[in-house]
Amino acid sequence: MRESDYNLALSTLKALVSLRYKISVGQEDKSSVKYMNLPPEKYLMSNGYCPRPLDLEGIELPPTMVELVDQLAENGHNIWAANRISDGWTYGMANVREGVLVSRWRGRKEIIF
């Protein structure tokens, strides 16, 4: 697991607690957890690793969670931006050095999806 993946998961859980959401551990029986079966001919790496993300297809969030999704996405974007600034990225009109001077830097809410 990459450190950035771990840190994103950790900051997401901390954000949930900060936003006053209650988190509890589910049942001990994890046999009902579904994973995606990705075709090994495409996803199997030479070292034997094949990703198995959770299968979220049948999971539906209630409408009340839309605000939470937006808050978590904005927080994730802000963490990303803070890390880039810490790495020396700045806002400018053109990319002077690839990945350092970002000409289209925007807050998450200004990004059009």
N, C-alpha and C. Protein backbone atom coordinates (compact mmCIF):
# COMPACT_ATOMS: atom_id res chain seq x y z
N MET A 1 0.85 -1.17 0.00
CA MET A 1 0.00 0.00 0.00
C MET A 1 0.91 1.24 0.00
N ARG A 2 0.56 2.17 -0.88
CA ARG A 2 1.32 3.42 -0.90
C ARG A 2 0.99 4.26 0.32
N GLU A 3 1.98 5.01 0.76
CA GLU A 3 1.78 5.87 1.92
C GLU A 3 0.67 6.89 1.64
N SER A 4 0.60 7.39 0.39
CA SER A 4 -0.43 8.38 0.07
C SER A 4 -1.83 7.77 0.16
N ASP A 5 -1.97 6.48 -0.20
CA ASP A 5 -3.28 5.80 -0.08
C ASP A 5 -3.68 5.69 1.39
N TYR A 6 -2.72 5.30 2.22
CA TYR A 6 -2.98 5.18 3.65
C TYR A 6 -3.35 6.54 4.24
N ASN A 7 -2.57 7.57 3.89
CA ASN A 7 -2.83 8.91 4.42
C ASN A 7 -4.18 9.44 3.98
N LEU A 8 -4.60 9.15 2.73
CA LEU A 8 -5.91 9.59 2.26
C LEU A 8 -7.02 8.91 3.06
N ALA A 9 -6.89 7.60 3.28
CA ALA A 9 -7.89 6.88 4.06
C ALA A 9 -7.95 7.41 5.49
N LEU A 10 -6.78 7.63 6.07
CA LEU A 10 -6.72 8.15 7.44
C LEU A 10 -7.33 9.54 7.54
N SER A 11 -6.98 10.42 6.61
CA SER A 11 -7.53 11.78 6.67
C SER A 11 -9.03 11.78 6.39
N THR A 12 -9.52 10.86 5.57
CA THR A 12 -10.96 10.77 5.32
C THR A 12 -11.70 10.36 6.59
N LEU A 13 -11.18 9.36 7.30
CA LEU A 13 -11.83 8.96 8.55
C LEU A 13 -11.77 10.09 9.58
N LYS A 14 -10.64 10.77 9.66
CA LYS A 14 -10.53 11.89 10.60
C LYS A 14 -11.49 13.02 10.22
N ALA A 15 -11.67 13.25 8.91
CA ALA A 15 -12.62 14.28 8.46
C ALA A 15 -14.03 13.91 8.87
N LEU A 16 -14.38 12.64 8.76
CA LEU A 16 -15.72 12.19 9.17
C LEU A 16 -15.95 12.48 10.66
N VAL A 17 -14.96 12.17 11.47
CA VAL A 17 -15.07 12.44 12.91
C VAL A 17 -15.16 13.94 13.16
N SER A 18 -14.33 14.71 12.45
CA SER A 18 -14.33 16.17 12.60
C SER A 18 -15.68 16.77 12.23
N LEU A 19 -16.35 16.19 11.23
CA LEU A 19 -17.66 16.68 10.80
C LEU A 19 -18.79 16.13 11.67
N ARG A 20 -18.43 15.46 12.75
CA ARG A 20 -19.36 14.95 13.75
C ARG A 20 -20.18 13.75 13.28
N TYR A 21 -19.66 12.97 12.34
CA TYR A 21 -20.33 11.73 11.94
C TYR A 21 -19.89 10.63 12.89
N LYS A 22 -20.80 9.75 13.19
CA LYS A 22 -20.49 8.62 14.07
C LYS A 22 -20.05 7.44 13.21
N ILE A 23 -18.96 6.81 13.62
CA ILE A 23 -18.42 5.67 12.89
C ILE A 23 -18.42 4.48 13.84
N SER A 24 -18.89 3.35 13.36
CA SER A 24 -18.85 2.14 14.17
C SER A 24 -18.34 0.99 13.31
N VAL A 25 -17.83 -0.01 13.97
CA VAL A 25 -17.33 -1.19 13.28
C VAL A 25 -18.50 -2.12 13.03
N GLY A 26 -18.57 -2.65 11.82
CA GLY A 26 -19.66 -3.55 11.45
C GLY A 26 -19.52 -4.92 12.07
N GLN A 27 -20.27 -5.84 11.55
CA GLN A 27 -20.27 -7.21 12.06
C GLN A 27 -18.89 -7.84 11.89
N GLU A 28 -18.59 -8.78 12.79
CA GLU A 28 -17.32 -9.50 12.69
C GLU A 28 -17.29 -10.38 11.45
N ASP A 29 -18.45 -10.86 11.00
CA ASP A 29 -18.52 -11.73 9.82
C ASP A 29 -18.35 -10.89 8.57
N LYS A 30 -17.21 -11.01 7.95
CA LYS A 30 -16.92 -10.21 6.76
C LYS A 30 -17.20 -11.01 5.47
N SER A 31 -17.88 -12.15 5.59
CA SER A 31 -18.13 -13.00 4.43
C SER A 31 -19.09 -12.34 3.43
N SER A 32 -19.86 -11.35 3.88
CA SER A 32 -20.80 -10.68 2.98
C SER A 32 -20.16 -9.54 2.19
N VAL A 33 -18.89 -9.22 2.50
CA VAL A 33 -18.19 -8.16 1.78
C VAL A 33 -17.88 -8.68 0.38
N LYS A 34 -18.23 -7.87 -0.64
CA LYS A 34 -18.01 -8.28 -2.02
C LYS A 34 -16.83 -7.52 -2.61
N TYR A 35 -16.02 -8.26 -3.36
CA TYR A 35 -14.88 -7.66 -4.05
C TYR A 35 -15.07 -7.83 -5.55
N MET A 36 -14.51 -6.91 -6.30
CA MET A 36 -14.56 -7.01 -7.76
C MET A 36 -13.59 -8.10 -8.20
N ASN A 37 -13.98 -8.87 -9.20
CA ASN A 37 -13.11 -9.87 -9.78
C ASN A 37 -12.59 -9.32 -11.10
N LEU A 38 -11.44 -8.70 -11.05
CA LEU A 38 -10.84 -8.12 -12.24
C LEU A 38 -10.15 -9.22 -13.04
N PRO A 39 -10.26 -9.21 -14.37
CA PRO A 39 -9.66 -10.28 -15.18
C PRO A 39 -8.14 -10.30 -15.04
N PRO A 40 -7.58 -11.44 -14.59
CA PRO A 40 -6.14 -11.52 -14.37
C PRO A 40 -5.31 -11.24 -15.63
N GLU A 41 -5.85 -11.59 -16.80
CA GLU A 41 -5.08 -11.35 -18.03
C GLU A 41 -4.80 -9.86 -18.25
N LYS A 42 -5.60 -9.00 -17.64
CA LYS A 42 -5.38 -7.57 -17.78
C LYS A 42 -4.76 -6.94 -16.54
N TYR A 43 -5.11 -7.44 -15.35
CA TYR A 43 -4.74 -6.77 -14.11
C TYR A 43 -3.66 -7.47 -13.29
N LEU A 44 -3.32 -8.71 -13.59
CA LEU A 44 -2.31 -9.43 -12.82
C LEU A 44 -0.92 -8.89 -13.13
N MET A 45 -0.22 -8.44 -12.10
CA MET A 45 1.13 -7.91 -12.28
C MET A 45 2.15 -9.05 -12.27
N SER A 46 3.33 -8.78 -12.78
CA SER A 46 4.37 -9.80 -12.87
C SER A 46 4.80 -10.31 -11.49
N ASN A 47 4.56 -9.53 -10.44
CA ASN A 47 4.93 -9.96 -9.08
C ASN A 47 3.81 -10.75 -8.40
N GLY A 48 2.71 -11.02 -9.14
CA GLY A 48 1.60 -11.80 -8.59
C GLY A 48 0.48 -10.97 -7.98
N TYR A 49 0.66 -9.67 -7.91
CA TYR A 49 -0.37 -8.79 -7.34
C TYR A 49 -1.48 -8.54 -8.35
N CYS A 50 -2.71 -8.69 -7.89
CA CYS A 50 -3.89 -8.35 -8.69
C CYS A 50 -4.82 -7.54 -7.78
N PRO A 51 -5.12 -6.29 -8.15
CA PRO A 51 -5.97 -5.47 -7.28
C PRO A 51 -7.36 -6.08 -7.11
N ARG A 52 -7.92 -5.94 -5.90
CA ARG A 52 -9.26 -6.44 -5.61
C ARG A 52 -10.05 -5.35 -4.88
N PRO A 53 -10.48 -4.32 -5.62
CA PRO A 53 -11.26 -3.26 -4.96
C PRO A 53 -12.62 -3.79 -4.52
N LEU A 54 -13.17 -3.13 -3.53
CA LEU A 54 -14.53 -3.49 -3.08
C LEU A 54 -15.51 -3.29 -4.23
N ASP A 55 -16.48 -4.16 -4.33
CA ASP A 55 -17.53 -4.02 -5.34
C ASP A 55 -18.61 -3.12 -4.76
N LEU A 56 -18.66 -1.90 -5.24
CA LEU A 56 -19.59 -0.90 -4.70
C LEU A 56 -20.82 -0.70 -5.59
N GLU A 57 -20.94 -1.53 -6.62
CA GLU A 57 -22.02 -1.35 -7.59
C GLU A 57 -23.41 -1.34 -6.96
N GLY A 58 -23.67 -2.21 -6.02
CA GLY A 58 -25.00 -2.29 -5.43
C GLY A 58 -25.21 -1.38 -4.23
N ILE A 59 -24.22 -0.59 -3.90
CA ILE A 59 -24.31 0.29 -2.73
C ILE A 59 -24.93 1.61 -3.15
N GLU A 60 -26.02 1.97 -2.51
CA GLU A 60 -26.66 3.26 -2.79
C GLU A 60 -26.61 4.11 -1.54
N LEU A 61 -26.16 5.33 -1.72
CA LEU A 61 -26.11 6.26 -0.60
C LEU A 61 -27.41 7.04 -0.52
N PRO A 62 -27.90 7.30 0.68
CA PRO A 62 -29.10 8.12 0.81
C PRO A 62 -28.79 9.55 0.39
N PRO A 63 -29.81 10.27 -0.08
CA PRO A 63 -29.59 11.66 -0.53
C PRO A 63 -28.94 12.54 0.53
N THR A 64 -29.15 12.23 1.79
CA THR A 64 -28.57 13.05 2.86
C THR A 64 -27.04 12.96 2.88
N MET A 65 -26.47 11.98 2.20
CA MET A 65 -25.02 11.81 2.18
C MET A 65 -24.34 12.63 1.08
N VAL A 66 -25.11 13.26 0.19
CA VAL A 66 -24.52 14.04 -0.90
C VAL A 66 -23.66 15.17 -0.36
N GLU A 67 -24.12 15.86 0.67
CA GLU A 67 -23.34 16.94 1.27
C GLU A 67 -22.03 16.40 1.84
N LEU A 68 -22.11 15.23 2.47
CA LEU A 68 -20.90 14.61 3.03
C LEU A 68 -19.90 14.28 1.93
N VAL A 69 -20.37 13.75 0.82
CA VAL A 69 -19.49 13.43 -0.31
C VAL A 69 -18.79 14.70 -0.78
N ASP A 70 -19.53 15.79 -0.92
CA ASP A 70 -18.94 17.07 -1.33
C ASP A 70 -17.89 17.56 -0.32
N GLN A 71 -18.20 17.44 0.96
CA GLN A 71 -17.26 17.89 1.99
C GLN A 71 -15.99 17.06 1.97
N LEU A 72 -16.12 15.75 1.79
CA LEU A 72 -14.93 14.89 1.74
C LEU A 72 -14.12 15.15 0.48
N ALA A 73 -14.80 15.38 -0.64
CA ALA A 73 -14.08 15.68 -1.89
C ALA A 73 -13.32 17.00 -1.76
N GLU A 74 -13.96 18.00 -1.17
CA GLU A 74 -13.30 19.29 -1.01
C GLU A 74 -12.10 19.16 -0.07
N ASN A 75 -12.26 18.42 1.02
CA ASN A 75 -11.15 18.22 1.94
C ASN A 75 -10.00 17.48 1.26
N GLY A 76 -10.32 16.46 0.46
CA GLY A 76 -9.28 15.73 -0.28
C GLY A 76 -8.54 16.64 -1.23
N HIS A 77 -9.26 17.51 -1.91
CA HIS A 77 -8.64 18.47 -2.83
C HIS A 77 -7.74 19.44 -2.06
N ASN A 78 -8.21 19.90 -0.92
CA ASN A 78 -7.42 20.83 -0.12
C ASN A 78 -6.15 20.17 0.41
N ILE A 79 -6.23 18.89 0.78
CA ILE A 79 -5.03 18.16 1.21
C ILE A 79 -4.05 18.04 0.05
N TRP A 80 -4.57 17.68 -1.13
CA TRP A 80 -3.73 17.57 -2.33
C TRP A 80 -3.04 18.91 -2.60
N ALA A 81 -3.81 20.01 -2.58
CA ALA A 81 -3.25 21.33 -2.86
C ALA A 81 -2.20 21.72 -1.83
N ALA A 82 -2.47 21.48 -0.57
CA ALA A 82 -1.50 21.81 0.49
C ALA A 82 -0.20 21.03 0.28
N ASN A 83 -0.31 19.76 -0.11
CA ASN A 83 0.89 18.96 -0.37
C ASN A 83 1.66 19.50 -1.57
N ARG A 84 0.96 19.93 -2.62
CA ARG A 84 1.65 20.47 -3.80
C ARG A 84 2.36 21.78 -3.45
N ILE A 85 1.69 22.64 -2.68
CA ILE A 85 2.31 23.90 -2.26
C ILE A 85 3.54 23.60 -1.42
N SER A 86 3.43 22.62 -0.53
CA SER A 86 4.57 22.20 0.28
C SER A 86 5.73 21.69 -0.58
N ASP A 87 5.40 21.09 -1.74
CA ASP A 87 6.41 20.60 -2.68
C ASP A 87 7.01 21.72 -3.53
N GLY A 88 6.50 22.94 -3.38
CA GLY A 88 7.05 24.07 -4.11
C GLY A 88 6.20 24.54 -5.28
N TRP A 89 5.03 23.97 -5.48
CA TRP A 89 4.17 24.42 -6.56
C TRP A 89 3.64 25.82 -6.23
N THR A 90 3.48 26.64 -7.27
CA THR A 90 2.90 27.97 -7.09
C THR A 90 1.94 28.24 -8.24
N TYR A 91 1.12 29.26 -8.08
CA TYR A 91 0.20 29.66 -9.14
C TYR A 91 0.90 30.63 -10.07
N GLY A 92 0.71 30.45 -11.37
CA GLY A 92 1.29 31.36 -12.34
C GLY A 92 0.52 31.28 -13.65
N MET A 93 0.89 32.10 -14.60
CA MET A 93 0.18 32.15 -15.88
C MET A 93 0.66 31.07 -16.85
N ALA A 94 1.77 30.43 -16.58
CA ALA A 94 2.28 29.39 -17.48
C ALA A 94 3.08 28.38 -16.67
N ASN A 95 3.19 27.17 -17.20
CA ASN A 95 4.02 26.16 -16.55
C ASN A 95 5.49 26.43 -16.87
N VAL A 96 6.23 26.92 -15.89
CA VAL A 96 7.64 27.22 -16.10
C VAL A 96 8.45 25.92 -16.01
N ARG A 97 8.27 25.19 -14.95
CA ARG A 97 8.85 23.86 -14.83
C ARG A 97 7.69 22.89 -14.65
N GLU A 98 7.63 21.87 -15.46
CA GLU A 98 6.51 20.93 -15.44
C GLU A 98 6.22 20.47 -14.00
N GLY A 99 4.99 20.65 -13.56
CA GLY A 99 4.59 20.20 -12.24
C GLY A 99 4.93 21.14 -11.10
N VAL A 100 5.51 22.30 -11.38
CA VAL A 100 5.86 23.21 -10.29
C VAL A 100 5.03 24.48 -10.36
N LEU A 101 4.95 25.12 -11.51
CA LEU A 101 4.16 26.33 -11.67
C LEU A 101 2.89 25.93 -12.41
N VAL A 102 1.76 26.00 -11.75
CA VAL A 102 0.51 25.50 -12.30
C VAL A 102 -0.36 26.65 -12.77
N SER A 103 -0.67 26.65 -14.07
CA SER A 103 -1.38 27.80 -14.64
C SER A 103 -2.89 27.75 -14.42
N ARG A 104 -3.44 26.60 -14.16
CA ARG A 104 -4.90 26.50 -14.03
C ARG A 104 -5.31 26.07 -12.62
N TRP A 105 -4.60 26.49 -11.62
CA TRP A 105 -4.89 26.10 -10.25
C TRP A 105 -6.23 26.66 -9.82
N ARG A 106 -7.11 25.80 -9.33
CA ARG A 106 -8.44 26.22 -8.92
C ARG A 106 -8.83 25.51 -7.61
N GLY A 107 -9.72 26.13 -6.88
CA GLY A 107 -10.34 25.44 -5.76
C GLY A 107 -11.26 24.38 -6.29
N ARG A 108 -11.57 23.37 -5.52
CA ARG A 108 -12.37 22.25 -5.98
C ARG A 108 -13.73 22.70 -6.53
N LYS A 109 -14.36 23.66 -5.87
CA LYS A 109 -15.69 24.09 -6.31
C LYS A 109 -15.66 24.81 -7.65
N GLU A 110 -14.46 25.26 -8.07
CA GLU A 110 -14.33 25.94 -9.36
C GLU A 110 -14.04 24.96 -10.49
N ILE A 111 -13.77 23.72 -10.15
CA ILE A 111 -13.47 22.71 -11.16
C ILE A 111 -14.78 22.19 -11.73
N ILE A 112 -14.89 22.16 -13.04
CA ILE A 112 -16.10 21.68 -13.70
C ILE A 112 -15.92 20.20 -14.00
N PHE A 113 -16.88 19.38 -13.55
CA PHE A 113 -16.80 17.94 -13.80
C PHE A 113 -17.68 17.58 -14.97
